[in-house]
């Protein structure tokens, strides 16, 4: 696939990929290397390897997965930004829950894409972040906007809000636990705290109160 040259026509954009799925990593690399103005400098399965070679690679952009063996992508983002603050980082992951999105952005990621995007979206995102933009998949952008529309005086913590949002979507305790990488007992504890803080006694009452007061 060949697209028109990036706006920085005289500069080839240097890119590193940190992704443990071989097929996805190789697919991204092939797409990027076959596009004018883009060059894959290196690809890695683990953050530790990428950090070791960061100065030698000197990437303009790092495409970073979140769920990686060893050091996770959030910590990887923090370390890359500490070592090379001008390096742009775009998260490319299957995960799109609120907490991971905001952790990644707070760690220093400048963009957040989900892996089900169209291939051209990845190339556009790399151009965008190099030109000072903050590329995000549509569903992620909606999530960020929605978070600013919530009641800022909510008595709930960020994690309790996330649990309540998943409950409102009809998710089971097991599914919520899996999505948030916690055990079912932790989910039950969060729900007890939600009921207590909202002064309700059931899931239906909690959801009704949360919607009415714009807590979710």
N, C-alpha and C. Protein backbone atom coordinates (compact mmCIF):
# COMPACT_ATOMS: atom_id res chain seq x y z
N UNK A 1 0.84 -1.19 0.00
CA UNK A 1 0.00 0.00 0.00
C UNK A 1 0.88 1.24 0.00
N UNK A 2 0.62 2.17 -0.90
CA UNK A 2 1.42 3.39 -0.98
C UNK A 2 0.52 4.60 -0.87
N UNK A 3 0.80 5.44 0.09
CA UNK A 3 0.02 6.67 0.26
C UNK A 3 0.90 7.86 -0.11
N UNK A 4 0.29 9.01 -0.21
CA UNK A 4 1.05 10.22 -0.55
C UNK A 4 2.05 10.53 0.55
N UNK A 5 3.12 11.24 0.23
CA UNK A 5 4.18 11.53 1.20
C UNK A 5 3.64 12.29 2.41
N UNK A 6 4.22 12.02 3.60
CA UNK A 6 3.82 12.77 4.78
C UNK A 6 4.19 14.24 4.66
N UNK A 7 3.60 15.07 5.54
CA UNK A 7 3.81 16.51 5.44
C UNK A 7 5.28 16.88 5.64
N UNK A 8 6.00 16.08 6.43
CA UNK A 8 7.42 16.33 6.61
C UNK A 8 8.16 15.60 5.49
N UNK A 9 7.98 16.08 4.28
CA UNK A 9 8.42 15.35 3.09
C UNK A 9 9.90 15.03 3.08
N UNK A 10 10.71 15.90 3.66
CA UNK A 10 12.15 15.70 3.59
C UNK A 10 12.67 14.77 4.69
N UNK A 11 11.78 14.35 5.59
CA UNK A 11 12.21 13.56 6.73
C UNK A 11 11.49 12.22 6.77
N UNK A 12 12.25 11.15 6.80
CA UNK A 12 11.66 9.83 6.96
C UNK A 12 11.33 9.63 8.44
N UNK A 13 10.11 9.22 8.73
CA UNK A 13 9.68 9.02 10.11
C UNK A 13 10.18 7.66 10.59
N UNK A 14 10.95 7.68 11.66
CA UNK A 14 11.57 6.48 12.23
C UNK A 14 10.62 5.88 13.28
N UNK A 15 10.31 4.60 13.11
CA UNK A 15 9.28 3.97 13.94
C UNK A 15 9.77 2.67 14.55
N UNK A 16 9.45 2.47 15.82
CA UNK A 16 9.67 1.18 16.49
C UNK A 16 8.32 0.60 16.91
N UNK A 17 8.23 -0.71 16.91
CA UNK A 17 7.00 -1.40 17.32
C UNK A 17 7.30 -2.27 18.52
N UNK A 18 6.47 -2.18 19.55
CA UNK A 18 6.57 -3.09 20.70
C UNK A 18 5.25 -3.85 20.78
N UNK A 19 5.27 -5.10 20.35
CA UNK A 19 4.06 -5.91 20.21
C UNK A 19 4.46 -7.39 20.29
N UNK A 20 3.81 -8.15 21.17
CA UNK A 20 4.23 -9.54 21.35
C UNK A 20 3.54 -10.52 20.40
N UNK A 21 2.52 -10.09 19.68
CA UNK A 21 1.87 -10.95 18.69
C UNK A 21 2.64 -10.86 17.38
N UNK A 22 3.26 -11.96 16.99
CA UNK A 22 4.12 -11.97 15.79
C UNK A 22 3.39 -11.52 14.53
N UNK A 23 2.17 -12.01 14.34
CA UNK A 23 1.43 -11.69 13.12
C UNK A 23 1.10 -10.19 13.05
N UNK A 24 0.64 -9.66 14.17
CA UNK A 24 0.30 -8.23 14.20
C UNK A 24 1.55 -7.38 14.02
N UNK A 25 2.61 -7.74 14.72
CA UNK A 25 3.86 -6.97 14.64
C UNK A 25 4.40 -6.97 13.21
N UNK A 26 4.45 -8.15 12.60
CA UNK A 26 4.97 -8.25 11.24
C UNK A 26 4.06 -7.55 10.23
N UNK A 27 2.75 -7.62 10.47
CA UNK A 27 1.79 -6.96 9.58
C UNK A 27 1.96 -5.45 9.61
N UNK A 28 2.08 -4.89 10.82
CA UNK A 28 2.31 -3.45 10.95
C UNK A 28 3.62 -3.04 10.26
N UNK A 29 4.65 -3.83 10.50
CA UNK A 29 5.97 -3.51 9.94
C UNK A 29 5.93 -3.51 8.41
N UNK A 30 5.25 -4.49 7.84
CA UNK A 30 5.15 -4.58 6.38
C UNK A 30 4.39 -3.38 5.82
N UNK A 31 3.28 -3.05 6.45
CA UNK A 31 2.46 -1.90 6.02
C UNK A 31 3.28 -0.61 6.06
N UNK A 32 3.95 -0.40 7.18
CA UNK A 32 4.69 0.86 7.37
C UNK A 32 5.89 0.96 6.43
N UNK A 33 6.64 -0.12 6.32
CA UNK A 33 7.84 -0.10 5.48
C UNK A 33 7.52 0.04 3.99
N UNK A 34 6.30 -0.32 3.61
CA UNK A 34 5.93 -0.21 2.19
C UNK A 34 5.30 1.14 1.86
N UNK A 35 5.33 2.06 2.85
CA UNK A 35 4.73 3.38 2.65
C UNK A 35 5.82 4.45 2.61
N UNK A 36 5.76 5.28 1.60
CA UNK A 36 6.77 6.34 1.41
C UNK A 36 6.86 7.24 2.65
N UNK A 37 8.09 7.52 3.08
CA UNK A 37 8.31 8.45 4.18
C UNK A 37 8.29 7.82 5.56
N UNK A 38 8.07 6.50 5.62
CA UNK A 38 8.03 5.79 6.89
C UNK A 38 9.10 4.69 6.90
N UNK A 39 9.72 4.48 8.04
CA UNK A 39 10.72 3.41 8.12
C UNK A 39 10.68 2.74 9.49
N UNK A 40 10.58 1.41 9.49
CA UNK A 40 10.66 0.65 10.73
C UNK A 40 12.13 0.51 11.10
N UNK A 41 12.50 1.02 12.26
CA UNK A 41 13.88 0.93 12.73
C UNK A 41 14.11 -0.39 13.45
N UNK A 42 13.10 -0.81 14.24
CA UNK A 42 13.21 -2.06 14.97
C UNK A 42 11.85 -2.50 15.45
N UNK A 43 11.69 -3.80 15.70
CA UNK A 43 10.46 -4.32 16.32
C UNK A 43 10.86 -5.17 17.51
N UNK A 44 9.99 -5.16 18.53
CA UNK A 44 10.30 -5.87 19.77
C UNK A 44 9.06 -6.58 20.31
N UNK A 45 9.31 -7.67 21.03
CA UNK A 45 8.24 -8.39 21.71
C UNK A 45 8.04 -7.89 23.13
N UNK A 46 9.07 -7.25 23.70
CA UNK A 46 9.03 -6.83 25.10
C UNK A 46 9.54 -5.39 25.25
N UNK A 47 9.00 -4.70 26.24
CA UNK A 47 9.45 -3.33 26.53
C UNK A 47 10.92 -3.30 26.92
N UNK A 48 11.34 -4.30 27.69
CA UNK A 48 12.71 -4.32 28.18
C UNK A 48 13.71 -4.25 27.03
N UNK A 49 13.43 -4.96 25.94
CA UNK A 49 14.32 -4.98 24.78
C UNK A 49 14.32 -3.61 24.09
N UNK A 50 13.12 -3.04 23.98
CA UNK A 50 13.01 -1.73 23.32
C UNK A 50 13.76 -0.66 24.10
N UNK A 51 13.66 -0.69 25.42
CA UNK A 51 14.34 0.30 26.26
C UNK A 51 15.85 0.17 26.16
N UNK A 52 16.32 -1.06 26.07
CA UNK A 52 17.76 -1.32 25.98
C UNK A 52 18.36 -0.67 24.73
N UNK A 53 17.58 -0.63 23.65
CA UNK A 53 18.08 -0.11 22.38
C UNK A 53 17.51 1.26 22.01
N UNK A 54 16.88 1.91 22.97
CA UNK A 54 16.17 3.15 22.68
C UNK A 54 17.07 4.23 22.10
N UNK A 55 18.21 4.45 22.69
CA UNK A 55 19.11 5.49 22.20
C UNK A 55 19.65 5.17 20.82
N UNK A 56 19.98 3.90 20.60
CA UNK A 56 20.51 3.50 19.29
C UNK A 56 19.43 3.60 18.21
N UNK A 57 18.20 3.21 18.55
CA UNK A 57 17.10 3.28 17.58
C UNK A 57 16.67 4.72 17.30
N UNK A 58 16.68 5.55 18.34
CA UNK A 58 16.25 6.96 18.24
C UNK A 58 14.95 7.12 17.44
N UNK A 59 13.88 6.43 17.86
CA UNK A 59 12.64 6.49 17.08
C UNK A 59 11.92 7.83 17.23
N UNK A 60 11.24 8.24 16.17
CA UNK A 60 10.35 9.39 16.25
C UNK A 60 9.03 8.97 16.88
N UNK A 61 8.61 7.74 16.54
CA UNK A 61 7.32 7.22 17.01
C UNK A 61 7.51 5.78 17.48
N UNK A 62 6.89 5.46 18.61
CA UNK A 62 6.84 4.08 19.10
C UNK A 62 5.38 3.64 19.11
N UNK A 63 5.10 2.49 18.48
CA UNK A 63 3.77 1.89 18.55
C UNK A 63 3.81 0.87 19.67
N UNK A 64 3.01 1.05 20.70
CA UNK A 64 3.14 0.28 21.93
C UNK A 64 1.86 -0.48 22.28
N UNK A 65 2.00 -1.79 22.47
CA UNK A 65 0.88 -2.58 23.00
C UNK A 65 0.85 -2.38 24.52
N UNK A 66 -0.27 -2.73 25.15
CA UNK A 66 -0.39 -2.59 26.61
C UNK A 66 -0.06 -3.89 27.32
N UNK A 67 -0.71 -4.96 26.89
CA UNK A 67 -0.57 -6.25 27.57
C UNK A 67 0.62 -7.00 26.98
N UNK A 68 1.77 -6.91 27.66
CA UNK A 68 3.01 -7.49 27.16
C UNK A 68 3.62 -8.41 28.21
N UNK A 69 4.43 -9.37 27.80
CA UNK A 69 5.13 -10.19 28.79
C UNK A 69 6.16 -9.34 29.54
N UNK A 70 6.32 -9.58 30.83
CA UNK A 70 7.26 -8.77 31.60
C UNK A 70 6.67 -7.39 31.87
N UNK A 71 7.44 -6.36 31.61
CA UNK A 71 6.98 -4.99 31.83
C UNK A 71 5.78 -4.68 30.94
N UNK A 72 4.71 -4.11 31.53
CA UNK A 72 3.55 -3.79 30.70
C UNK A 72 3.76 -2.48 29.93
N UNK A 73 2.86 -2.23 29.00
CA UNK A 73 3.02 -1.07 28.13
C UNK A 73 2.94 0.26 28.85
N UNK A 74 2.14 0.33 29.93
CA UNK A 74 2.02 1.60 30.67
C UNK A 74 3.36 2.00 31.26
N UNK A 75 4.02 1.04 31.92
CA UNK A 75 5.34 1.34 32.49
C UNK A 75 6.35 1.62 31.38
N UNK A 76 6.23 0.88 30.27
CA UNK A 76 7.12 1.11 29.13
C UNK A 76 7.01 2.53 28.60
N UNK A 77 5.77 3.03 28.53
CA UNK A 77 5.54 4.41 28.06
C UNK A 77 6.23 5.40 29.00
N UNK A 78 6.03 5.20 30.30
CA UNK A 78 6.63 6.11 31.29
C UNK A 78 8.15 6.15 31.14
N UNK A 79 8.76 4.99 30.97
CA UNK A 79 10.23 4.93 30.89
C UNK A 79 10.76 5.54 29.60
N UNK A 80 10.06 5.27 28.50
CA UNK A 80 10.49 5.86 27.23
C UNK A 80 10.42 7.38 27.30
N UNK A 81 9.32 7.91 27.84
CA UNK A 81 9.16 9.37 27.91
C UNK A 81 10.19 10.00 28.85
N UNK A 82 10.60 9.25 29.87
CA UNK A 82 11.62 9.77 30.79
C UNK A 82 12.98 9.82 30.10
N UNK A 83 13.28 8.79 29.30
CA UNK A 83 14.57 8.71 28.63
C UNK A 83 14.62 9.59 27.38
N UNK A 84 13.52 9.63 26.64
CA UNK A 84 13.47 10.41 25.40
C UNK A 84 12.12 11.14 25.33
N UNK A 85 12.03 12.28 26.02
CA UNK A 85 10.74 12.99 26.13
C UNK A 85 10.10 13.37 24.79
N UNK A 86 10.93 13.55 23.76
CA UNK A 86 10.38 13.98 22.47
C UNK A 86 9.86 12.83 21.61
N UNK A 87 10.08 11.59 22.05
CA UNK A 87 9.57 10.45 21.30
C UNK A 87 8.06 10.39 21.43
N UNK A 88 7.38 10.27 20.31
CA UNK A 88 5.91 10.16 20.31
C UNK A 88 5.51 8.70 20.48
N UNK A 89 4.51 8.45 21.31
CA UNK A 89 4.07 7.07 21.56
C UNK A 89 2.58 6.95 21.25
N UNK A 90 2.26 5.97 20.42
CA UNK A 90 0.86 5.66 20.12
C UNK A 90 0.57 4.26 20.67
N UNK A 91 -0.40 4.16 21.55
CA UNK A 91 -0.83 2.85 22.03
C UNK A 91 -1.66 2.19 20.94
N UNK A 92 -1.35 0.93 20.66
CA UNK A 92 -2.15 0.14 19.72
C UNK A 92 -2.49 -1.16 20.43
N UNK A 93 -3.73 -1.30 20.85
CA UNK A 93 -4.08 -2.41 21.74
C UNK A 93 -5.50 -2.89 21.50
N UNK A 94 -5.82 -4.04 22.07
CA UNK A 94 -7.18 -4.56 21.99
C UNK A 94 -8.03 -4.00 23.13
N UNK A 95 -7.39 -3.41 24.12
CA UNK A 95 -8.09 -2.96 25.32
C UNK A 95 -8.58 -1.53 25.19
N UNK A 96 -9.83 -1.29 25.65
CA UNK A 96 -10.37 0.05 25.55
C UNK A 96 -11.20 0.43 26.78
N UNK A 97 -10.82 -0.12 27.96
CA UNK A 97 -11.55 0.33 29.15
C UNK A 97 -10.97 1.63 29.66
N UNK A 98 -11.81 2.39 30.36
CA UNK A 98 -11.47 3.76 30.79
C UNK A 98 -10.13 3.85 31.49
N UNK A 99 -9.91 2.96 32.44
CA UNK A 99 -8.73 3.09 33.28
C UNK A 99 -7.45 2.94 32.48
N UNK A 100 -7.40 1.95 31.58
CA UNK A 100 -6.20 1.75 30.77
C UNK A 100 -5.95 2.94 29.84
N UNK A 101 -7.02 3.46 29.25
CA UNK A 101 -6.88 4.61 28.36
C UNK A 101 -6.25 5.78 29.11
N UNK A 102 -6.79 6.09 30.29
CA UNK A 102 -6.29 7.25 31.02
C UNK A 102 -4.92 7.01 31.62
N UNK A 103 -4.65 5.78 32.02
CA UNK A 103 -3.30 5.47 32.52
C UNK A 103 -2.27 5.67 31.41
N UNK A 104 -2.62 5.22 30.21
CA UNK A 104 -1.69 5.34 29.08
C UNK A 104 -1.46 6.81 28.72
N UNK A 105 -2.54 7.59 28.69
CA UNK A 105 -2.41 9.00 28.35
C UNK A 105 -1.65 9.76 29.43
N UNK A 106 -1.91 9.42 30.70
CA UNK A 106 -1.20 10.08 31.80
C UNK A 106 0.28 9.68 31.81
N UNK A 107 0.58 8.47 31.35
CA UNK A 107 1.98 8.01 31.32
C UNK A 107 2.78 8.72 30.25
N UNK A 108 2.07 9.30 29.25
CA UNK A 108 2.79 10.03 28.21
C UNK A 108 2.44 9.64 26.78
N UNK A 109 1.50 8.70 26.61
CA UNK A 109 1.08 8.34 25.25
C UNK A 109 0.40 9.54 24.60
N UNK A 110 0.66 9.74 23.30
CA UNK A 110 0.05 10.86 22.59
C UNK A 110 -1.10 10.43 21.71
N UNK A 111 -1.34 9.12 21.63
CA UNK A 111 -2.43 8.59 20.81
C UNK A 111 -2.84 7.23 21.33
N UNK A 112 -4.05 6.80 20.97
CA UNK A 112 -4.57 5.51 21.46
C UNK A 112 -5.47 4.92 20.39
N UNK A 113 -5.03 3.81 19.81
CA UNK A 113 -5.78 3.14 18.75
C UNK A 113 -6.12 1.71 19.16
N UNK A 114 -7.23 1.21 18.66
CA UNK A 114 -7.57 -0.20 18.88
C UNK A 114 -7.21 -1.00 17.64
N UNK A 115 -6.89 -2.26 17.85
CA UNK A 115 -6.33 -3.08 16.77
C UNK A 115 -7.32 -3.42 15.66
N UNK A 116 -8.60 -3.15 15.89
CA UNK A 116 -9.59 -3.44 14.84
C UNK A 116 -9.75 -2.29 13.85
N UNK A 117 -8.82 -1.32 13.89
CA UNK A 117 -8.88 -0.17 12.99
C UNK A 117 -8.53 -0.58 11.55
N UNK A 118 -8.87 0.28 10.61
CA UNK A 118 -8.43 0.09 9.23
C UNK A 118 -6.93 0.37 9.14
N UNK A 119 -6.17 -0.37 8.32
CA UNK A 119 -4.72 -0.16 8.22
C UNK A 119 -4.32 1.28 7.93
N UNK A 120 -5.10 1.96 7.07
CA UNK A 120 -4.75 3.35 6.73
C UNK A 120 -4.82 4.27 7.95
N UNK A 121 -5.65 3.89 8.93
CA UNK A 121 -5.78 4.70 10.15
C UNK A 121 -4.46 4.75 10.91
N UNK A 122 -3.71 3.65 10.88
CA UNK A 122 -2.42 3.61 11.57
C UNK A 122 -1.45 4.59 10.93
N UNK A 123 -1.40 4.60 9.61
CA UNK A 123 -0.50 5.52 8.90
C UNK A 123 -0.91 6.98 9.13
N UNK A 124 -2.21 7.23 9.11
CA UNK A 124 -2.71 8.58 9.36
C UNK A 124 -2.34 9.03 10.78
N UNK A 125 -2.44 8.10 11.73
CA UNK A 125 -2.15 8.41 13.13
C UNK A 125 -0.68 8.78 13.32
N UNK A 126 0.21 8.07 12.62
CA UNK A 126 1.64 8.37 12.72
C UNK A 126 1.92 9.76 12.18
N UNK A 127 1.33 10.08 11.03
CA UNK A 127 1.48 11.43 10.47
C UNK A 127 0.94 12.48 11.45
N UNK A 128 -0.25 12.18 11.97
CA UNK A 128 -0.95 13.12 12.84
C UNK A 128 -0.12 13.45 14.08
N UNK A 129 0.41 12.42 14.73
CA UNK A 129 1.16 12.66 15.97
C UNK A 129 2.46 13.41 15.69
N UNK A 130 3.06 13.18 14.52
CA UNK A 130 4.27 13.91 14.14
C UNK A 130 3.97 15.39 13.87
N UNK A 131 2.73 15.66 13.50
CA UNK A 131 2.33 17.05 13.24
C UNK A 131 1.68 17.70 14.45
N UNK A 132 1.82 17.05 15.62
CA UNK A 132 1.32 17.65 16.85
C UNK A 132 -0.07 17.24 17.25
N UNK A 133 -0.66 16.29 16.53
CA UNK A 133 -2.01 15.83 16.86
C UNK A 133 -2.03 14.77 17.94
N UNK A 134 -3.24 14.33 18.30
CA UNK A 134 -3.42 13.28 19.30
C UNK A 134 -4.40 12.26 18.73
N UNK A 135 -3.90 11.37 17.86
CA UNK A 135 -4.79 10.44 17.17
C UNK A 135 -5.44 9.41 18.10
N UNK A 136 -6.74 9.21 17.93
CA UNK A 136 -7.45 8.21 18.72
C UNK A 136 -8.50 7.54 17.87
N UNK A 137 -8.75 6.25 18.15
CA UNK A 137 -9.87 5.57 17.51
C UNK A 137 -11.15 6.27 17.93
N UNK A 138 -12.17 6.21 17.09
CA UNK A 138 -13.42 6.93 17.35
C UNK A 138 -14.02 6.57 18.70
N UNK A 139 -14.04 5.27 19.03
CA UNK A 139 -14.64 4.85 20.30
C UNK A 139 -13.85 5.35 21.49
N UNK A 140 -12.52 5.45 21.35
CA UNK A 140 -11.68 5.96 22.43
C UNK A 140 -11.93 7.45 22.61
N UNK A 141 -12.01 8.18 21.51
CA UNK A 141 -12.28 9.62 21.58
C UNK A 141 -13.61 9.89 22.27
N UNK A 142 -14.62 9.07 21.95
CA UNK A 142 -15.93 9.23 22.60
C UNK A 142 -15.82 9.02 24.10
N UNK A 143 -15.03 8.00 24.47
CA UNK A 143 -14.84 7.68 25.88
C UNK A 143 -14.19 8.86 26.63
N UNK A 144 -13.19 9.46 26.00
CA UNK A 144 -12.50 10.59 26.62
C UNK A 144 -13.46 11.77 26.78
N UNK A 145 -14.23 12.06 25.73
CA UNK A 145 -15.20 13.15 25.80
C UNK A 145 -16.25 12.87 26.89
N UNK A 146 -16.74 11.63 26.93
CA UNK A 146 -17.77 11.26 27.93
C UNK A 146 -17.25 11.44 29.34
N UNK A 147 -15.97 11.17 29.55
CA UNK A 147 -15.40 11.28 30.90
C UNK A 147 -15.45 12.71 31.40
N UNK A 148 -15.35 13.67 30.48
CA UNK A 148 -15.39 15.08 30.87
C UNK A 148 -16.82 15.57 31.09
N UNK A 149 -17.77 14.76 30.64
CA UNK A 149 -19.17 15.13 30.82
C UNK A 149 -19.75 14.56 32.11
N UNK A 150 -18.99 13.72 32.79
CA UNK A 150 -19.46 13.10 34.03
C UNK A 150 -19.44 14.11 35.17
N UNK A 151 -20.20 13.78 36.19
CA UNK A 151 -20.25 14.60 37.39
C UNK A 151 -18.90 14.54 38.11
N UNK A 152 -18.23 15.70 38.18
CA UNK A 152 -16.90 15.72 38.81
C UNK A 152 -16.97 15.64 40.33
N UNK A 153 -18.18 15.73 40.88
CA UNK A 153 -18.33 15.62 42.33
C UNK A 153 -18.79 14.23 42.73
N UNK A 154 -18.57 13.27 41.87
CA UNK A 154 -18.99 11.90 42.15
C UNK A 154 -18.32 11.37 43.42
N UNK A 155 -19.08 10.66 44.26
CA UNK A 155 -18.48 10.05 45.45
C UNK A 155 -17.69 8.79 45.12
N UNK A 156 -17.82 8.32 43.88
CA UNK A 156 -17.19 7.06 43.49
C UNK A 156 -15.75 7.27 43.01
N UNK A 157 -14.91 6.28 43.28
CA UNK A 157 -13.56 6.31 42.74
C UNK A 157 -13.61 5.97 41.25
N UNK A 158 -12.50 6.15 40.55
CA UNK A 158 -12.44 5.83 39.12
C UNK A 158 -12.74 4.35 38.89
N UNK A 159 -12.19 3.48 39.74
CA UNK A 159 -12.42 2.05 39.56
C UNK A 159 -13.88 1.69 39.87
N UNK A 160 -14.47 2.30 40.89
CA UNK A 160 -15.88 2.02 41.20
C UNK A 160 -16.77 2.49 40.06
N UNK A 161 -16.43 3.62 39.46
CA UNK A 161 -17.19 4.12 38.32
C UNK A 161 -17.11 3.15 37.16
N UNK A 162 -15.92 2.61 36.94
CA UNK A 162 -15.73 1.66 35.85
C UNK A 162 -16.54 0.39 36.08
N UNK A 163 -16.54 -0.10 37.32
CA UNK A 163 -17.32 -1.29 37.67
C UNK A 163 -18.80 -1.03 37.43
N UNK A 164 -19.27 0.14 37.86
CA UNK A 164 -20.69 0.48 37.69
C UNK A 164 -21.06 0.61 36.22
N UNK A 165 -20.17 1.15 35.41
CA UNK A 165 -20.43 1.27 33.97
C UNK A 165 -20.57 -0.11 33.33
N UNK A 166 -19.70 -1.03 33.76
CA UNK A 166 -19.77 -2.40 33.21
C UNK A 166 -21.04 -3.11 33.68
N UNK A 167 -21.43 -2.87 34.93
CA UNK A 167 -22.69 -3.42 35.43
C UNK A 167 -23.86 -2.90 34.60
N UNK A 168 -23.82 -1.61 34.30
CA UNK A 168 -24.89 -0.98 33.52
C UNK A 168 -24.97 -1.56 32.11
N UNK A 169 -23.86 -2.08 31.62
CA UNK A 169 -23.84 -2.72 30.29
C UNK A 169 -24.27 -4.18 30.35
N UNK A 170 -24.63 -4.63 31.57
CA UNK A 170 -25.12 -6.00 31.72
C UNK A 170 -24.03 -7.05 31.89
N UNK A 171 -22.82 -6.60 32.20
CA UNK A 171 -21.71 -7.54 32.36
C UNK A 171 -21.83 -8.30 33.68
N UNK A 172 -21.44 -9.57 33.67
CA UNK A 172 -21.45 -10.38 34.89
C UNK A 172 -20.23 -10.06 35.75
N UNK A 173 -20.27 -10.49 37.02
CA UNK A 173 -19.13 -10.27 37.91
C UNK A 173 -17.86 -10.90 37.32
N UNK A 174 -18.01 -12.09 36.74
CA UNK A 174 -16.86 -12.78 36.15
C UNK A 174 -16.27 -11.99 35.00
N UNK A 175 -17.13 -11.48 34.12
CA UNK A 175 -16.67 -10.70 32.97
C UNK A 175 -15.99 -9.41 33.43
N UNK A 176 -16.58 -8.75 34.42
CA UNK A 176 -15.99 -7.52 34.95
C UNK A 176 -14.61 -7.81 35.52
N UNK A 177 -14.51 -8.89 36.30
CA UNK A 177 -13.22 -9.27 36.89
C UNK A 177 -12.17 -9.51 35.81
N UNK A 178 -12.58 -10.20 34.74
CA UNK A 178 -11.64 -10.50 33.64
C UNK A 178 -11.21 -9.22 32.93
N UNK A 179 -12.15 -8.32 32.68
CA UNK A 179 -11.84 -7.09 31.95
C UNK A 179 -10.92 -6.16 32.76
N UNK A 180 -11.09 -6.19 34.08
CA UNK A 180 -10.32 -5.28 34.92
C UNK A 180 -9.08 -5.95 35.53
N UNK A 181 -8.87 -7.22 35.18
CA UNK A 181 -7.71 -7.96 35.67
C UNK A 181 -7.69 -8.05 37.20
N UNK A 182 -8.86 -8.31 37.79
CA UNK A 182 -8.96 -8.50 39.24
C UNK A 182 -9.77 -9.76 39.50
N UNK A 183 -9.88 -10.18 40.77
CA UNK A 183 -10.69 -11.37 41.06
C UNK A 183 -12.13 -10.95 41.40
N UNK A 184 -13.02 -11.95 41.43
CA UNK A 184 -14.45 -11.67 41.65
C UNK A 184 -14.70 -11.05 43.02
N UNK A 185 -13.92 -11.44 44.01
CA UNK A 185 -14.11 -10.88 45.35
C UNK A 185 -13.84 -9.37 45.36
N UNK A 186 -12.84 -8.96 44.59
CA UNK A 186 -12.54 -7.52 44.49
C UNK A 186 -13.71 -6.79 43.85
N UNK A 187 -14.31 -7.40 42.82
CA UNK A 187 -15.48 -6.79 42.17
C UNK A 187 -16.63 -6.68 43.17
N UNK A 188 -16.86 -7.74 43.95
CA UNK A 188 -17.94 -7.70 44.96
C UNK A 188 -17.70 -6.59 45.98
N UNK A 189 -16.44 -6.42 46.38
CA UNK A 189 -16.11 -5.36 47.34
C UNK A 189 -16.41 -3.99 46.75
N UNK A 190 -16.03 -3.78 45.48
CA UNK A 190 -16.32 -2.50 44.82
C UNK A 190 -17.83 -2.24 44.77
N UNK A 191 -18.60 -3.29 44.46
CA UNK A 191 -20.05 -3.13 44.35
C UNK A 191 -20.67 -2.80 45.71
N UNK A 192 -20.19 -3.44 46.76
CA UNK A 192 -20.67 -3.11 48.12
C UNK A 192 -20.40 -1.65 48.44
N UNK A 193 -19.21 -1.19 48.08
CA UNK A 193 -18.85 0.22 48.33
C UNK A 193 -19.72 1.18 47.51
N UNK A 194 -20.02 0.77 46.27
CA UNK A 194 -20.89 1.59 45.41
C UNK A 194 -22.27 1.72 46.05
N UNK A 195 -22.85 0.59 46.49
CA UNK A 195 -24.18 0.61 47.10
C UNK A 195 -24.18 1.52 48.34
N UNK A 196 -23.13 1.40 49.13
CA UNK A 196 -23.05 2.18 50.37
C UNK A 196 -22.94 3.68 50.06
N UNK A 197 -22.07 4.04 49.12
CA UNK A 197 -21.87 5.44 48.79
C UNK A 197 -23.10 6.07 48.13
N UNK A 198 -23.80 5.28 47.33
CA UNK A 198 -24.98 5.81 46.62
C UNK A 198 -26.26 5.63 47.43
N UNK A 199 -26.15 4.95 48.60
CA UNK A 199 -27.29 4.70 49.47
C UNK A 199 -28.40 3.95 48.74
N UNK A 200 -27.99 2.87 48.08
CA UNK A 200 -28.94 2.02 47.35
C UNK A 200 -28.75 0.58 47.81
N UNK A 201 -29.68 -0.29 47.35
CA UNK A 201 -29.64 -1.68 47.82
C UNK A 201 -29.67 -2.70 46.70
N UNK A 202 -29.60 -2.23 45.45
CA UNK A 202 -29.64 -3.17 44.32
C UNK A 202 -28.91 -2.58 43.13
N UNK A 203 -28.60 -3.47 42.21
CA UNK A 203 -27.93 -3.03 40.97
C UNK A 203 -28.81 -2.03 40.21
N UNK A 204 -30.10 -2.33 40.11
CA UNK A 204 -31.01 -1.45 39.36
C UNK A 204 -31.05 -0.06 39.98
N UNK A 205 -31.10 0.01 41.31
CA UNK A 205 -31.13 1.31 41.99
C UNK A 205 -29.82 2.06 41.77
N UNK A 206 -28.71 1.33 41.82
CA UNK A 206 -27.39 1.95 41.63
C UNK A 206 -27.27 2.54 40.24
N UNK A 207 -27.71 1.79 39.23
CA UNK A 207 -27.63 2.26 37.84
C UNK A 207 -28.54 3.47 37.63
N UNK A 208 -29.77 3.39 38.18
CA UNK A 208 -30.72 4.50 38.05
C UNK A 208 -30.16 5.77 38.68
N UNK A 209 -29.59 5.66 39.88
CA UNK A 209 -29.01 6.82 40.57
C UNK A 209 -27.82 7.37 39.78
N UNK A 210 -26.98 6.47 39.27
CA UNK A 210 -25.78 6.88 38.54
C UNK A 210 -26.14 7.63 37.27
N UNK A 211 -27.14 7.16 36.56
CA UNK A 211 -27.57 7.83 35.33
C UNK A 211 -28.19 9.19 35.65
N UNK A 212 -29.04 9.22 36.69
CA UNK A 212 -29.70 10.46 37.08
C UNK A 212 -28.72 11.55 37.49
N UNK A 213 -27.69 11.13 38.23
CA UNK A 213 -26.70 12.09 38.74
C UNK A 213 -25.47 12.23 37.83
N UNK A 214 -25.55 11.61 36.64
CA UNK A 214 -24.44 11.68 35.66
C UNK A 214 -23.12 11.18 36.25
N UNK A 215 -23.20 10.07 36.97
CA UNK A 215 -22.00 9.47 37.54
C UNK A 215 -21.35 8.51 36.54
N UNK A 216 -22.14 8.07 35.55
CA UNK A 216 -21.59 7.21 34.48
C UNK A 216 -22.07 7.76 33.14
